[in-house]
Amino acid sequence: MELINHYLKRSSRILFLFLLTACSNDNDSPVETTYFPPLAGNTWETKSISSLGWNQNAVQSLLDFLELKNSKSFILLIDGRIVMENYFNGHTASKGWYWASAGKTLTSAVTGIAAQEGYININHKVSDYIGTGWTSLPLAKENLITNKHLLSMTSGLDDSNDCVTPACLTYKADAGTRWAYHNVYVKLQDVVAQATKQSWNNYFNAKLRDKIGMEGNWFQIDNNSVYFSTSRSMARFGLLIANKGKWENTQIINENFWNEATNTSQNINLGYGYLWWLNGKSSYHLPQSQLQIPGSIIPSAPNDMYMALGKNDQKIYIVPSKKMVVIRMGDAADGSNFALSDFDDALWKKIKALYE
């Protein structure tokens, strides 16, 4: 009988601990999963500043700064949900705007998709796909240039102009030995089109745009292929990339390619991936410069952030540690500029004031 009582007491203690644990788990806040807006319609879940425990008093200062700096739109997502969505200077949610060089990351993504579908190999030479004579280089030098060199801005071609005709694409250094920001990346669109036997627009729309509910179109402007869309469409792409190329349960961009694209792609400009800018590295290069600058690109921003940056301050910022995506569209904050400007650092001081 004493042995039976012992086991009954022991069983009661186990049951009590089980119930206590169950009650404790019921009271815990559920782990929030990433939200993906429906492919059609204007529905998009939101999350309030107060529910995040952020500083509501910092919101107006940020909005005043954005408006003062010629912004047209600003969107901040956490876990895919809209925390802030604001429009300025006559812009609206339904109006489109240009991505400028922030759209280079769209070309990177679709190049990755073409590679995973077996149409191209990023390590193969560009001339395998679009033929020889696409530059003015001697054939031996032209054949050094691979798709990966275009993705990483290390083609070795002269970057003194943005023209991409063969006459303009002249030799500066062997491919892989020099980093230089140049429009020649756009040849990747020709590579994809030739390899898939589809137009760039059709392949892009079918494999990326329509799969995540984006809207928008490509236009040829000044030797460059420029994407126009609404701010929410830009946010959808940012959300896809923040989720490592996966939209809900569909892996649209292979995670291995995503990982290569959002990490240092070569040993010259540590702050550059496959057409993505990378924060928090020990040094970086600016567009149109061969100077190696020590430190992080945007000192006030999180070190794990990576970015799509376009002329006149078109921005996609992705911060994995914060599960955050930030979109900014508009005119140049302070006069015309290339992909990077002092505006980035000033803006991030305002954003950090929300949550620090």
Protein backbone atom coordinates (compact mmCIF):
# COMPACT_ATOMS: atom_id res chain seq x y z
CA MET A 1 0.00 0.00 0.00
CA GLU A 2 2.84 2.39 0.82
CA LEU A 3 4.33 1.76 -2.64
CA ILE A 4 0.95 2.48 -4.28
CA ASN A 5 0.58 5.75 -2.36
CA HIS A 6 4.08 6.75 -3.43
CA TYR A 7 3.25 6.31 -7.12
CA LEU A 8 -0.11 8.08 -6.74
CA LYS A 9 1.62 11.11 -5.20
CA ARG A 10 4.30 11.06 -7.90
CA SER A 11 1.68 10.86 -10.64
CA SER A 12 -0.21 13.80 -9.10
CA ARG A 13 2.94 15.93 -9.12
CA ILE A 14 3.57 15.09 -12.77
CA LEU A 15 -0.03 15.94 -13.68
CA PHE A 16 0.22 19.25 -11.76
CA LEU A 17 3.44 20.21 -13.57
CA PHE A 18 1.89 19.29 -16.93
CA LEU A 19 -1.19 21.46 -16.27
CA LEU A 20 0.99 24.32 -15.01
CA THR A 21 3.10 24.19 -18.17
CA ALA A 22 0.02 24.04 -20.39
CA CYS A 23 -1.51 27.06 -18.69
CA SER A 24 1.74 28.96 -18.97
CA ASN A 25 1.96 28.21 -22.70
CA ASP A 26 -1.63 29.35 -23.22
CA ASN A 27 -0.77 32.72 -21.72
CA ASP A 28 2.35 33.22 -23.83
CA SER A 29 2.05 35.40 -26.92
CA PRO A 30 1.94 33.24 -30.05
CA VAL A 31 4.93 33.34 -32.37
CA GLU A 32 3.92 35.62 -35.23
CA THR A 33 4.39 34.16 -38.69
CA THR A 34 5.29 36.20 -41.75
CA TYR A 35 2.25 37.62 -43.52
CA PHE A 36 1.89 37.65 -47.30
CA PRO A 37 -0.81 39.84 -48.87
CA PRO A 38 -3.20 38.17 -51.36
CA LEU A 39 -2.07 38.26 -54.98
CA ALA A 40 -5.11 40.31 -56.00
CA GLY A 41 -6.87 43.22 -54.36
CA ASN A 42 -5.81 45.88 -51.88
CA THR A 43 -5.98 43.80 -48.70
CA TRP A 44 -2.86 43.99 -46.55
CA GLU A 45 -2.68 43.30 -42.81
CA THR A 46 -1.38 46.06 -40.58
CA LYS A 47 0.39 46.30 -37.25
CA SER A 48 0.38 49.35 -35.00
CA ILE A 49 3.35 51.23 -33.61
CA SER A 50 1.94 50.75 -30.09
CA SER A 51 1.58 46.96 -30.47
CA LEU A 52 5.31 46.81 -31.24
CA GLY A 53 6.13 48.88 -28.16
CA TRP A 54 7.74 51.52 -30.36
CA ASN A 55 7.97 55.24 -29.72
CA GLN A 56 4.87 56.92 -31.13
CA ASN A 57 6.43 60.33 -30.44
CA ALA A 58 9.11 59.64 -33.08
CA VAL A 59 6.59 59.11 -35.90
CA GLN A 60 5.82 62.74 -36.73
CA SER A 61 9.48 63.71 -36.86
CA LEU A 62 10.08 60.94 -39.39
CA LEU A 63 7.08 61.95 -41.51
CA ASP A 64 8.09 65.64 -41.47
CA PHE A 65 11.60 64.68 -42.55
CA LEU A 66 10.33 62.46 -45.39
CA GLU A 67 8.07 65.19 -46.73
CA LEU A 68 10.78 67.83 -46.46
CA LYS A 69 13.16 65.58 -48.38
CA ASN A 70 10.94 65.30 -51.46
CA SER A 71 9.60 61.82 -50.71
CA LYS A 72 6.56 60.46 -52.51
CA SER A 73 6.02 57.32 -50.46
CA PHE A 74 7.25 55.48 -47.38
CA ILE A 75 6.29 51.96 -46.32
CA LEU A 76 7.61 50.03 -43.31
CA LEU A 77 6.81 46.33 -42.91
CA ILE A 78 7.40 44.09 -39.91
CA ASP A 79 6.81 40.37 -40.50
CA GLY A 80 5.15 41.39 -43.76
CA ARG A 81 2.54 43.58 -42.05
CA ILE A 82 2.30 47.30 -42.76
CA VAL A 83 3.34 49.39 -39.76
CA MET A 84 3.63 52.67 -41.66
CA GLU A 85 2.35 53.61 -45.12
CA ASN A 86 2.47 57.27 -46.01
CA TYR A 87 2.29 59.31 -49.21
CA PHE A 88 3.55 62.84 -49.76
CA ASN A 89 3.64 65.70 -52.22
CA GLY A 90 0.58 64.64 -54.22
CA HIS A 91 1.56 60.99 -54.63
CA THR A 92 -0.95 58.20 -53.86
CA ALA A 93 -0.99 54.43 -53.35
CA SER A 94 -2.29 53.90 -56.90
CA LYS A 95 0.37 55.99 -58.65
CA GLY A 96 3.48 54.42 -60.11
CA TRP A 97 7.06 55.67 -59.80
CA TYR A 98 10.41 54.60 -61.19
CA TRP A 99 12.77 52.27 -59.32
CA ALA A 100 15.90 53.56 -61.07
CA SER A 101 18.88 51.37 -60.10
CA ALA A 102 16.94 49.79 -57.24
CA GLY A 103 15.45 47.77 -60.11
CA LYS A 104 18.82 46.13 -60.72
CA THR A 105 17.80 43.71 -57.98
CA LEU A 106 14.83 42.60 -60.10
CA THR A 107 17.30 41.63 -62.83
CA SER A 108 19.39 39.79 -60.25
CA ALA A 109 16.35 37.84 -59.04
CA VAL A 110 15.17 36.80 -62.50
CA THR A 111 18.71 35.83 -63.52
CA GLY A 112 18.69 33.53 -60.50
CA ILE A 113 15.35 32.06 -61.56
CA ALA A 114 16.63 31.40 -65.09
CA ALA A 115 19.66 29.68 -63.59
CA GLN A 116 17.62 27.43 -61.31
CA GLU A 117 15.42 26.47 -64.26
CA GLY A 118 18.51 25.36 -66.14
CA TYR A 119 18.42 28.00 -68.87
CA ILE A 120 21.70 29.65 -67.92
CA ASN A 121 24.80 29.11 -65.82
CA ILE A 122 26.02 32.26 -64.10
CA ASN A 123 29.63 31.05 -64.36
CA HIS A 124 29.45 30.74 -68.14
CA LYS A 125 30.59 33.55 -70.41
CA VAL A 126 28.07 36.09 -71.63
CA SER A 127 28.94 35.42 -75.28
CA ASP A 128 27.66 31.84 -74.89
CA TYR A 129 24.17 33.34 -74.81
CA ILE A 130 24.19 36.57 -76.84
CA GLY A 131 27.03 35.80 -79.24
CA THR A 132 30.43 37.39 -79.65
CA GLY A 133 30.96 41.02 -80.57
CA TRP A 134 28.69 42.45 -77.88
CA THR A 135 31.69 44.53 -76.77
CA SER A 136 34.62 46.18 -78.60
CA LEU A 137 37.09 43.96 -76.76
CA PRO A 138 39.39 41.44 -78.41
CA LEU A 139 37.61 38.09 -78.39
CA ALA A 140 39.93 36.60 -75.79
CA LYS A 141 39.15 39.46 -73.37
CA GLU A 142 35.41 39.46 -74.12
CA ASN A 143 35.24 35.74 -73.43
CA LEU A 144 36.56 36.35 -69.91
CA ILE A 145 33.31 38.10 -68.97
CA THR A 146 30.78 35.79 -67.34
CA ASN A 147 27.22 36.34 -66.18
CA LYS A 148 28.58 36.43 -62.64
CA HIS A 149 30.84 39.34 -63.56
CA LEU A 150 27.77 41.28 -64.70
CA LEU A 151 25.94 40.40 -61.48
CA SER A 152 28.86 41.55 -59.34
CA MET A 153 29.87 44.63 -61.42
CA THR A 154 33.31 43.20 -62.19
CA SER A 155 33.16 43.02 -66.01
CA GLY A 156 36.33 45.10 -66.38
CA LEU A 157 34.61 47.29 -68.98
CA ASP A 158 35.18 51.05 -69.06
CA ASP A 159 32.62 52.75 -66.79
CA SER A 160 33.17 56.30 -68.05
CA ASN A 161 29.75 56.32 -69.73
CA ASP A 162 26.46 54.45 -69.41
CA CYS A 163 26.17 53.45 -73.05
CA VAL A 164 25.90 49.67 -73.64
CA THR A 165 26.40 49.45 -77.42
CA PRO A 166 29.48 47.48 -78.53
CA ALA A 167 31.28 50.72 -79.45
CA CYS A 168 30.89 51.99 -75.88
CA LEU A 169 31.89 48.78 -74.13
CA THR A 170 35.65 49.09 -74.17
CA TYR A 171 38.45 47.47 -72.21
CA LYS A 172 39.60 48.81 -68.84
CA ALA A 173 40.81 45.67 -67.05
CA ASP A 174 40.44 41.92 -67.18
CA ALA A 175 37.09 40.69 -65.93
CA GLY A 176 37.12 39.97 -62.21
CA THR A 177 40.00 42.31 -61.39
CA ARG A 178 38.14 45.64 -61.10
CA TRP A 179 34.80 46.67 -59.56
CA ALA A 180 32.91 49.44 -61.35
CA TYR A 181 29.25 50.43 -61.25
CA HIS A 182 27.95 50.30 -64.83
CA ASN A 183 24.78 49.84 -66.86
CA VAL A 184 26.31 46.82 -68.60
CA TYR A 185 24.47 44.61 -66.08
CA VAL A 186 21.41 45.11 -68.33
CA LYS A 187 22.95 42.60 -70.75
CA LEU A 188 21.75 39.95 -68.31
CA GLN A 189 18.24 40.70 -69.56
CA ASP A 190 19.40 39.82 -73.08
CA VAL A 191 21.06 36.67 -71.74
CA VAL A 192 17.80 35.55 -70.09
CA ALA A 193 15.72 36.41 -73.15
CA GLN A 194 17.99 34.49 -75.52
CA ALA A 195 18.31 31.48 -73.22
CA THR A 196 14.58 31.17 -72.50
CA LYS A 197 13.50 32.10 -76.06
CA GLN A 198 11.05 34.57 -74.53
CA SER A 199 11.03 38.32 -74.26
CA TRP A 200 12.50 39.66 -71.02
CA ASN A 201 9.14 41.21 -70.12
CA ASN A 202 7.19 37.99 -70.61
CA TYR A 203 9.64 35.88 -68.63
CA PHE A 204 9.87 38.47 -65.84
CA ASN A 205 6.09 38.77 -65.57
CA ALA A 206 5.46 35.04 -65.54
CA LYS A 207 8.28 34.01 -63.21
CA LEU A 208 8.35 36.90 -60.74
CA ARG A 209 5.86 39.75 -61.07
CA ASP A 210 2.65 37.75 -61.32
CA LYS A 211 3.71 35.17 -58.72
CA ILE A 212 3.86 37.77 -55.94
CA GLY A 213 1.04 40.06 -57.07
CA MET A 214 3.23 42.93 -58.25
CA GLU A 215 2.09 45.47 -60.80
CA GLY A 216 4.33 47.46 -63.11
CA ASN A 217 6.22 47.55 -66.39
CA TRP A 218 9.71 48.01 -67.83
CA PHE A 219 10.68 51.01 -69.95
CA GLN A 220 13.89 51.78 -71.85
CA ILE A 221 15.30 55.13 -70.67
CA ASP A 222 18.80 56.48 -71.40
CA ASN A 223 20.47 53.14 -72.19
CA ASN A 224 18.88 51.54 -69.16
CA SER A 225 15.92 49.29 -68.45
CA VAL A 226 13.83 51.02 -65.77
CA TYR A 227 10.95 49.52 -63.83
CA PHE A 228 7.86 51.53 -62.83
CA SER A 229 5.39 50.34 -60.20
CA THR A 230 3.36 51.32 -57.17
CA SER A 231 5.07 51.51 -53.80
CA ARG A 232 3.20 48.43 -52.57
CA SER A 233 4.55 46.45 -55.52
CA MET A 234 8.06 47.43 -54.47
CA ALA A 235 7.16 46.34 -50.93
CA ARG A 236 5.98 42.95 -52.23
CA PHE A 237 9.35 42.35 -53.84
CA GLY A 238 11.13 43.44 -50.67
CA LEU A 239 9.01 40.99 -48.68
CA LEU A 240 9.88 38.14 -51.07
CA ILE A 241 13.59 38.82 -50.71
CA ALA A 242 13.34 39.27 -46.93
CA ASN A 243 11.81 35.78 -46.82
CA LYS A 244 14.82 34.31 -48.68
CA GLY A 245 13.07 34.16 -52.05
CA LYS A 246 10.00 32.33 -50.76
CA TRP A 247 6.41 33.60 -51.10
CA GLU A 248 4.20 31.77 -48.63
CA ASN A 249 4.88 28.10 -49.48
CA THR A 250 6.45 28.68 -52.91
CA GLN A 251 10.21 29.01 -53.32
CA ILE A 252 10.41 31.45 -56.23
CA ILE A 253 14.13 32.22 -56.03
CA ASN A 254 16.46 29.40 -55.06
CA GLU A 255 17.74 30.02 -51.53
CA ASN A 256 21.33 29.27 -52.52
CA PHE A 257 21.22 31.98 -55.18
CA TRP A 258 19.48 34.35 -52.74
CA ASN A 259 22.30 33.75 -50.26
CA GLU A 260 24.97 34.49 -52.87
CA ALA A 261 23.09 37.59 -54.06
CA THR A 262 22.82 39.13 -50.59
CA ASN A 263 26.39 38.50 -49.48
CA THR A 264 29.75 39.82 -50.71
CA SER A 265 30.19 38.60 -54.29
CA GLN A 266 33.89 39.43 -54.85
CA ASN A 267 36.87 40.66 -52.85
CA ILE A 268 37.10 44.21 -54.26
CA ASN A 269 33.91 45.92 -53.10
CA LEU A 270 32.91 44.07 -49.93
CA GLY A 271 29.67 46.06 -49.79
CA TYR A 272 28.25 44.55 -52.97
CA GLY A 273 26.48 41.27 -53.74
CA TYR A 274 24.66 40.41 -56.96
CA LEU A 275 23.32 43.94 -57.68
CA TRP A 276 22.46 44.32 -53.95
CA TRP A 277 24.30 46.75 -51.64
CA LEU A 278 25.40 45.32 -48.29
CA ASN A 279 25.68 47.24 -45.05
CA GLY A 280 27.99 46.45 -42.15
CA LYS A 281 31.09 45.42 -44.11
CA SER A 282 34.59 46.60 -43.26
CA SER A 283 34.83 48.69 -46.45
CA TYR A 284 32.95 49.58 -49.63
CA HIS A 285 33.20 51.45 -52.95
CA LEU A 286 30.90 54.18 -54.17
CA PRO A 287 29.52 54.27 -57.73
CA GLN A 288 31.89 56.01 -60.16
CA SER A 289 34.79 55.60 -57.75
CA GLN A 290 37.72 53.25 -57.34
CA LEU A 291 38.37 54.48 -53.80
CA GLN A 292 38.02 51.88 -51.04
CA ILE A 293 36.23 53.54 -48.13
CA PRO A 294 36.61 51.98 -44.67
CA GLY A 295 33.54 51.27 -42.56
CA SER A 296 29.87 50.54 -43.14
CA ILE A 297 27.93 52.15 -46.01
CA ILE A 298 25.20 53.48 -43.70
CA PRO A 299 26.69 53.77 -40.20
CA SER A 300 23.39 54.53 -38.46
CA ALA A 301 21.63 51.49 -39.96
CA PRO A 302 21.78 47.86 -38.73
CA ASN A 303 24.88 45.99 -39.84
CA ASP A 304 22.90 43.07 -41.26
CA MET A 305 20.89 45.28 -43.62
CA TYR A 306 21.09 44.85 -47.38
CA MET A 307 19.68 47.31 -49.89
CA ALA A 308 18.37 48.06 -53.36
CA LEU A 309 19.42 51.64 -54.04
CA GLY A 310 18.47 53.78 -57.02
CA LYS A 311 19.19 57.22 -58.39
CA ASN A 312 17.43 60.08 -56.63
CA ASP A 313 16.89 58.03 -53.48
CA GLN A 314 14.73 55.10 -54.52
CA LYS A 315 15.21 52.63 -51.65
CA ILE A 316 14.48 49.08 -50.53
CA TYR A 317 16.05 48.37 -47.13
CA ILE A 318 15.87 44.83 -45.72
CA VAL A 319 16.86 44.16 -42.10
CA PRO A 320 16.71 40.43 -41.23
CA SER A 321 17.31 40.96 -37.48
CA LYS A 322 14.25 43.23 -37.31
CA LYS A 323 12.14 41.27 -39.84
CA MET A 324 11.83 44.68 -41.45
CA VAL A 325 11.38 45.94 -45.00
CA VAL A 326 11.46 49.69 -45.70
CA ILE A 327 10.46 51.35 -48.98
CA ARG A 328 11.12 54.96 -49.98
CA MET A 329 10.21 56.42 -53.38
CA GLY A 330 10.45 60.02 -54.52
CA ASP A 331 12.60 62.75 -55.95
CA ALA A 332 16.18 63.25 -54.79
CA ALA A 333 16.33 64.28 -51.15
CA ASP A 334 19.13 66.80 -51.75
CA GLY A 335 19.82 67.38 -55.43
CA SER A 336 20.45 64.68 -58.04
CA ASN A 337 22.56 61.76 -56.87
CA PHE A 338 23.57 58.22 -57.70
CA ALA A 339 22.51 55.17 -55.71
CA LEU A 340 23.99 56.30 -52.39
CA SER A 341 23.64 59.63 -50.59
CA ASP A 342 23.88 61.26 -47.16
CA PHE A 343 20.10 60.95 -47.02
CA ASP A 344 20.44 57.23 -46.17
CA ASP A 345 22.24 57.87 -42.91
CA ALA A 346 19.93 60.75 -41.89
CA LEU A 347 16.84 58.68 -42.68
CA TRP A 348 18.04 55.74 -40.62
CA LYS A 349 18.58 57.92 -37.58
CA LYS A 350 14.89 58.82 -37.83
CA ILE A 351 13.82 55.20 -38.33
CA LYS A 352 15.89 53.96 -35.40
CA ALA A 353 14.24 56.56 -33.15
CA LEU A 354 11.03 54.57 -33.63
CA TYR A 355 12.31 51.41 -31.97
CA GLU A 356 15.34 52.33 -29.83
